[in-house]
Amino acid sequence: MQGIIVKAIAGFYYVKTEDDYFECKARGIFKKRKITPLVGDKVVISKDEADPTKGRIDEILPRTIELVRPPVANVTQAIVVFAVAQPDPNINLLDKLLAICEHRGLSVVLCFNKVDLDQASYVKSLEETYMKAGYKVIPTSATNHIEIEALKEVLKDEISVFAGPSGVGKSSLLNEIQEGIKLEVGGLSKKIARGKHTTRHSELLPLESGGMVVDTPGFTSMDISEIEIEELADCFIEFKDHLNCKFNNCKHLNEPKCGIKEAVDAGDISQSRYDSYVYFMNALEEHRRYKSW
């Protein structure tokens, strides 16, 4: 049978097939090959003849994406959540998170939450900046149930991880998407794990509206140094149509006839996004100098 690992704790893997859940152990050959099954892995399992609720993982199918923090495979998109107020959005942090998502190969949906508190209509300028960059933007309010249906729609048929700083309303949005999701899945976990494991772990939570979300704190590392200097421009998706620079190795800083700087001057790339790029480039160059000492 084929299924997907929805939870992994202490060497036990809980696999959801089309019709049921199975508590599985992995074949010893994975350990010999230094391969660890991950939540999100699509696997082939065989059922235990003595106990129909248990099984064995015989094969791990090829992964499309593997994340380290959180340790999960085959995530298809990141829902990047920032509040428009309380707390005010940190644009530098937002652009850093977007760059890391691009570097890790994740599709991104950008969610600006708490629009009910947006007295200055800040969300309009944020929408303009990031829609121009090429991102899908959904302005939401978990409190007033604004655009929750639109958020449900983008979660369908996807395995999504919610990412963003604390206090922006990620948990509140999930509760609006599916009321009591933690309690409901907790009951399921109790059924398949019989309450014997309490270690903090990653878990895939199925949504009634379709799709799954990763039950973790999200990205625990937002270190821009995982991106190489030569890769940074590729992590700003709006740059790709303006790489008609005079020099092939252009860093888009002080070089003449730079397509990126010309696009900024023309208003095709927002100044704030370019400022973030420059800030990250300087940080990466400083990091490279430090490593070489």
Protein backbone atom coordinates (compact mmCIF):
# COMPACT_ATOMS: atom_id res chain seq x y z
CA MET A 1 0.00 0.00 0.00
CA GLN A 2 1.05 3.60 -0.53
CA GLY A 3 0.56 6.33 2.04
CA ILE A 4 2.04 9.45 3.59
CA ILE A 5 3.80 9.77 6.94
CA VAL A 6 1.70 12.16 9.02
CA LYS A 7 3.62 11.83 12.28
CA ALA A 8 7.01 10.49 13.39
CA ILE A 9 7.98 9.90 17.03
CA ALA A 10 10.74 7.84 18.59
CA GLY A 11 11.18 5.49 15.65
CA PHE A 12 7.45 5.03 15.06
CA TYR A 13 5.91 6.37 11.86
CA TYR A 14 2.18 6.93 11.51
CA VAL A 15 1.15 6.47 7.90
CA LYS A 16 -2.14 7.61 6.38
CA THR A 17 -3.28 5.52 3.44
CA GLU A 18 -6.38 6.16 1.39
CA ASP A 19 -8.58 4.32 3.88
CA ASP A 20 -6.80 4.09 7.24
CA TYR A 21 -3.83 4.86 9.51
CA PHE A 22 -1.01 2.47 10.41
CA GLU A 23 1.69 2.55 13.08
CA CYS A 24 4.85 1.53 11.26
CA LYS A 25 8.50 0.80 11.84
CA ALA A 26 11.02 1.34 9.06
CA ARG A 27 13.07 -1.43 7.49
CA GLY A 28 16.58 -1.75 8.88
CA ILE A 29 18.09 -1.02 5.49
CA PHE A 30 17.15 2.66 5.85
CA LYS A 31 19.34 2.96 8.96
CA LYS A 32 22.21 1.22 7.17
CA ARG A 33 21.90 3.73 4.34
CA LYS A 34 21.60 6.60 6.88
CA ILE A 35 18.16 7.52 5.59
CA THR A 36 15.61 8.82 8.10
CA PRO A 37 11.95 8.78 7.07
CA LEU A 38 10.35 12.22 7.46
CA VAL A 39 6.87 13.51 8.05
CA GLY A 40 5.50 14.21 4.57
CA ASP A 41 7.32 11.29 2.96
CA LYS A 42 5.27 9.27 0.52
CA VAL A 43 5.96 5.63 1.33
CA VAL A 44 5.14 2.07 0.40
CA ILE A 45 4.15 -0.06 3.40
CA SER A 46 3.26 -3.66 4.08
CA LYS A 47 0.67 -4.59 6.70
CA ASP A 48 1.61 -6.63 9.78
CA GLU A 49 -0.22 -9.96 9.47
CA ALA A 50 -0.45 -10.35 13.26
CA ASP A 51 -1.79 -6.84 13.92
CA PRO A 52 -3.81 -5.09 11.15
CA THR A 53 -3.22 -1.66 12.75
CA LYS A 54 0.55 -1.94 12.27
CA GLY A 55 2.88 -2.11 9.32
CA ARG A 56 6.39 -1.70 7.96
CA ILE A 57 7.80 0.98 5.69
CA ASP A 58 9.37 -0.84 2.75
CA GLU A 59 10.14 2.07 0.42
CA ILE A 60 10.43 5.87 0.57
CA LEU A 61 9.35 7.43 -2.70
CA PRO A 62 11.46 10.29 -4.15
CA ARG A 63 11.16 13.59 -2.30
CA THR A 64 10.45 16.85 -4.08
CA ILE A 65 11.59 19.05 -1.16
CA GLU A 66 13.29 18.30 2.15
CA LEU A 67 13.29 20.89 4.92
CA VAL A 68 15.63 20.67 7.91
CA ARG A 69 13.75 23.01 10.26
CA PRO A 70 11.01 21.86 10.50
CA PRO A 71 12.10 18.32 9.50
CA VAL A 72 9.49 17.57 6.87
CA ALA A 73 9.42 16.42 3.24
CA ASN A 74 7.32 17.27 0.21
CA VAL A 75 5.88 20.53 1.52
CA THR A 76 4.42 22.29 -1.51
CA GLN A 77 3.92 25.83 -0.23
CA ALA A 78 4.59 28.30 2.56
CA ILE A 79 1.87 30.57 3.89
CA VAL A 80 3.91 33.57 5.03
CA VAL A 81 1.90 35.47 7.64
CA PHE A 82 2.62 39.02 8.84
CA ALA A 83 0.29 41.35 10.70
CA VAL A 84 -0.40 44.85 9.37
CA ALA A 85 -0.58 46.08 12.98
CA GLN A 86 0.06 44.82 16.49
CA PRO A 87 2.85 44.08 15.71
CA ASP A 88 3.73 46.35 12.79
CA PRO A 89 5.36 44.39 9.95
CA ASN A 90 9.14 44.20 9.87
CA ILE A 91 9.77 44.55 6.13
CA ASN A 92 13.37 43.42 6.36
CA LEU A 93 12.31 40.25 8.17
CA LEU A 94 9.49 39.68 5.66
CA ASP A 95 11.85 39.94 2.70
CA LYS A 96 14.35 37.66 4.44
CA LEU A 97 11.70 35.00 4.96
CA LEU A 98 10.54 35.30 1.35
CA ALA A 99 14.13 34.92 0.13
CA ILE A 100 14.61 31.80 2.26
CA CYS A 101 11.36 30.30 0.94
CA GLU A 102 12.50 30.92 -2.63
CA HIS A 103 15.91 29.39 -1.86
CA ARG A 104 14.24 26.29 -0.40
CA GLY A 105 12.04 25.89 -3.47
CA LEU A 106 8.72 26.66 -1.78
CA SER A 107 5.81 28.36 -3.48
CA VAL A 108 4.62 31.29 -1.38
CA VAL A 109 1.24 32.78 -0.53
CA LEU A 110 1.61 36.02 1.42
CA CYS A 111 -1.01 36.64 4.09
CA PHE A 112 -1.32 40.07 5.73
CA ASN A 113 -3.42 39.47 8.83
CA LYS A 114 -5.27 41.74 11.29
CA VAL A 115 -6.61 44.06 8.59
CA ASP A 116 -9.39 44.97 11.02
CA LEU A 117 -6.73 46.93 12.96
CA ASP A 118 -5.35 48.68 9.86
CA GLN A 119 -6.44 52.26 10.56
CA ALA A 120 -3.77 53.72 8.27
CA SER A 121 -4.70 51.49 5.29
CA TYR A 122 -1.12 50.19 5.34
CA VAL A 123 -2.18 46.93 3.72
CA LYS A 124 -2.85 48.70 0.40
CA SER A 125 0.79 49.71 0.00
CA LEU A 126 1.94 46.25 1.10
CA GLU A 127 -0.35 44.61 -1.45
CA GLU A 128 0.93 46.90 -4.19
CA THR A 129 4.57 46.16 -3.39
CA TYR A 130 4.30 42.38 -3.16
CA MET A 131 1.76 41.81 -5.90
CA LYS A 132 4.04 43.81 -8.19
CA ALA A 133 6.87 41.49 -7.13
CA GLY A 134 4.75 38.53 -8.25
CA TYR A 135 3.30 37.13 -5.03
CA LYS A 136 -0.27 36.09 -4.35
CA VAL A 137 -1.45 38.28 -1.47
CA ILE A 138 -4.44 37.61 0.79
CA PRO A 139 -5.41 40.30 3.36
CA THR A 140 -7.12 38.55 6.28
CA SER A 141 -8.64 39.03 9.68
CA ALA A 142 -9.06 36.01 11.90
CA THR A 143 -11.13 38.16 14.28
CA ASN A 144 -13.62 39.31 11.63
CA HIS A 145 -13.36 36.23 9.39
CA ILE A 146 -12.14 38.32 6.45
CA GLU A 147 -10.92 36.34 3.40
CA ILE A 148 -10.75 33.06 5.35
CA GLU A 149 -12.51 31.29 2.47
CA ALA A 150 -9.82 32.57 0.09
CA LEU A 151 -7.15 31.20 2.42
CA LYS A 152 -8.93 27.83 2.56
CA GLU A 153 -8.94 27.74 -1.24
CA VAL A 154 -5.16 28.11 -1.57
CA LEU A 155 -4.65 25.32 0.99
CA LYS A 156 -6.63 22.76 -1.02
CA ASP A 157 -4.57 19.86 -2.42
CA GLU A 158 -1.38 21.33 -0.92
CA ILE A 159 0.93 20.47 1.98
CA SER A 160 1.50 23.86 3.58
CA VAL A 161 3.71 25.25 6.32
CA PHE A 162 2.72 28.49 8.05
CA ALA A 163 5.66 30.81 8.64
CA GLY A 164 6.04 34.21 10.23
CA PRO A 165 6.99 35.92 13.49
CA SER A 166 5.14 35.37 16.74
CA GLY A 167 2.02 37.38 17.48
CA VAL A 168 0.85 37.76 13.89
CA GLY A 169 -2.10 35.37 14.27
CA LYS A 170 -0.99 32.12 12.62
CA SER A 171 -2.78 29.94 15.19
CA SER A 172 -5.88 32.14 15.08
CA LEU A 173 -6.04 31.79 11.30
CA LEU A 174 -5.74 28.01 11.55
CA ASN A 175 -8.55 27.93 14.09
CA GLU A 176 -10.72 29.98 11.71
CA ILE A 177 -9.87 27.67 8.83
CA GLN A 178 -10.89 24.67 10.89
CA GLU A 179 -12.29 25.20 14.35
CA GLY A 180 -10.66 23.06 17.01
CA ILE A 181 -8.14 21.57 14.58
CA LYS A 182 -5.64 20.86 17.35
CA LEU A 183 -8.23 19.08 19.49
CA GLU A 184 -9.59 17.10 16.57
CA VAL A 185 -6.18 15.92 15.43
CA GLY A 186 -5.21 15.29 19.04
CA GLY A 187 -8.03 12.77 19.20
CA LEU A 188 -6.80 11.12 16.04
CA SER A 189 -3.26 11.03 17.41
CA LYS A 190 -4.53 9.39 20.57
CA LYS A 191 -6.25 6.74 18.48
CA ILE A 192 -3.24 5.82 16.39
CA ALA A 193 -0.53 6.33 19.01
CA ARG A 194 -2.58 5.29 22.04
CA GLY A 195 -1.24 8.26 23.99
CA LYS A 196 2.14 6.66 24.67
CA HIS A 197 4.34 9.35 23.10
CA THR A 198 4.47 12.92 24.35
CA THR A 199 7.67 14.19 22.69
CA ARG A 200 7.30 17.41 20.65
CA HIS A 201 7.13 16.43 17.01
CA SER A 202 6.13 17.50 13.54
CA GLU A 203 2.74 16.38 12.31
CA LEU A 204 0.60 16.79 9.22
CA LEU A 205 -2.91 17.94 10.03
CA PRO A 206 -5.61 17.11 7.46
CA LEU A 207 -8.03 19.92 6.64
CA GLU A 208 -11.73 19.35 6.06
CA SER A 209 -11.59 21.84 3.19
CA GLY A 210 -8.74 19.89 1.58
CA GLY A 211 -4.98 19.74 1.92
CA MET A 212 -2.74 19.39 4.96
CA VAL A 213 -0.78 21.79 7.16
CA VAL A 214 2.43 21.12 9.07
CA ASP A 215 1.87 21.36 12.82
CA THR A 216 5.19 22.89 13.89
CA PRO A 217 6.32 26.35 14.96
CA GLY A 218 7.32 26.86 11.32
CA PHE A 219 10.78 27.92 10.31
CA THR A 220 12.95 27.98 13.42
CA SER A 221 15.90 29.30 11.45
CA MET A 222 15.79 32.49 9.41
CA ASP A 223 19.52 32.72 8.78
CA ILE A 224 20.13 34.40 5.43
CA SER A 225 23.65 32.90 5.38
CA GLU A 226 22.21 29.63 4.01
CA ILE A 227 22.00 31.51 0.68
CA GLU A 228 25.17 31.94 -1.36
CA ILE A 229 26.03 35.41 -2.66
CA GLU A 230 25.66 34.17 -6.23
CA GLU A 231 22.15 32.85 -5.47
CA LEU A 232 20.67 35.90 -3.76
CA ALA A 233 19.31 37.65 -6.87
CA ASP A 234 17.43 34.46 -7.80
CA CYS A 235 15.64 34.65 -4.44
CA PHE A 236 13.99 37.96 -5.45
CA ILE A 237 11.47 36.72 -7.99
CA GLU A 238 10.85 40.11 -9.62
CA PHE A 239 14.54 40.38 -10.58
CA LYS A 240 14.38 37.59 -13.17
CA ASP A 241 12.87 39.77 -15.92
CA HIS A 242 15.52 42.49 -15.50
CA LEU A 243 18.82 40.62 -15.54
CA ASN A 244 19.99 42.35 -18.73
CA CYS A 245 23.14 43.66 -17.05
CA LYS A 246 26.35 44.64 -18.81
CA PHE A 247 28.40 42.22 -16.69
CA ASN A 248 27.49 38.55 -16.27
CA ASN A 249 28.73 38.59 -12.67
CA CYS A 250 26.85 41.78 -11.77
CA LYS A 251 25.95 41.98 -8.08
CA HIS A 252 23.47 44.79 -8.78
CA LEU A 253 25.16 47.16 -6.33
CA ASN A 254 27.55 49.70 -7.87
CA GLU A 255 28.09 48.25 -11.33
CA PRO A 256 27.28 50.39 -14.41
CA LYS A 257 24.44 49.48 -16.79
CA CYS A 258 22.75 47.19 -14.28
CA GLY A 259 19.30 45.99 -15.35
CA ILE A 260 18.10 45.67 -11.75
CA LYS A 261 19.05 49.23 -10.77
CA GLU A 262 17.49 50.54 -13.98
CA ALA A 263 14.26 48.69 -13.12
CA VAL A 264 14.27 50.26 -9.64
CA ASP A 265 14.73 53.73 -11.15
CA ALA A 266 11.85 53.02 -13.56
CA GLY A 267 9.58 51.85 -10.75
CA ASP A 268 9.35 48.28 -12.04
CA ILE A 269 11.04 46.98 -8.86
CA SER A 270 10.07 48.60 -5.59
CA GLN A 271 12.73 50.56 -3.72
CA SER A 272 12.02 48.74 -0.45
CA ARG A 273 12.59 45.34 -2.04
CA TYR A 274 15.85 46.50 -3.61
CA ASP A 275 16.95 47.99 -0.26
CA SER A 276 16.39 44.59 1.35
CA TYR A 277 18.45 42.96 -1.40
CA VAL A 278 21.34 45.36 -0.80
CA TYR A 279 21.14 44.81 2.97
CA PHE A 280 21.24 41.02 2.55
CA MET A 281 24.07 41.20 0.01
CA ASN A 282 26.18 43.26 2.40
CA ALA A 283 25.42 40.82 5.21
CA LEU A 284 26.39 37.83 3.04
CA GLU A 285 29.63 39.47 1.94
CA GLU A 286 30.48 40.24 5.56
CA HIS A 287 29.69 36.63 6.47
CA ARG A 288 31.97 35.35 3.69
CA ARG A 289 34.83 37.63 4.85
CA TYR A 290 34.38 36.41 8.42
CA LYS A 291 34.50 32.75 7.33
CA SER A 292 37.71 33.35 5.39
CA TRP A 293 39.58 34.70 8.41
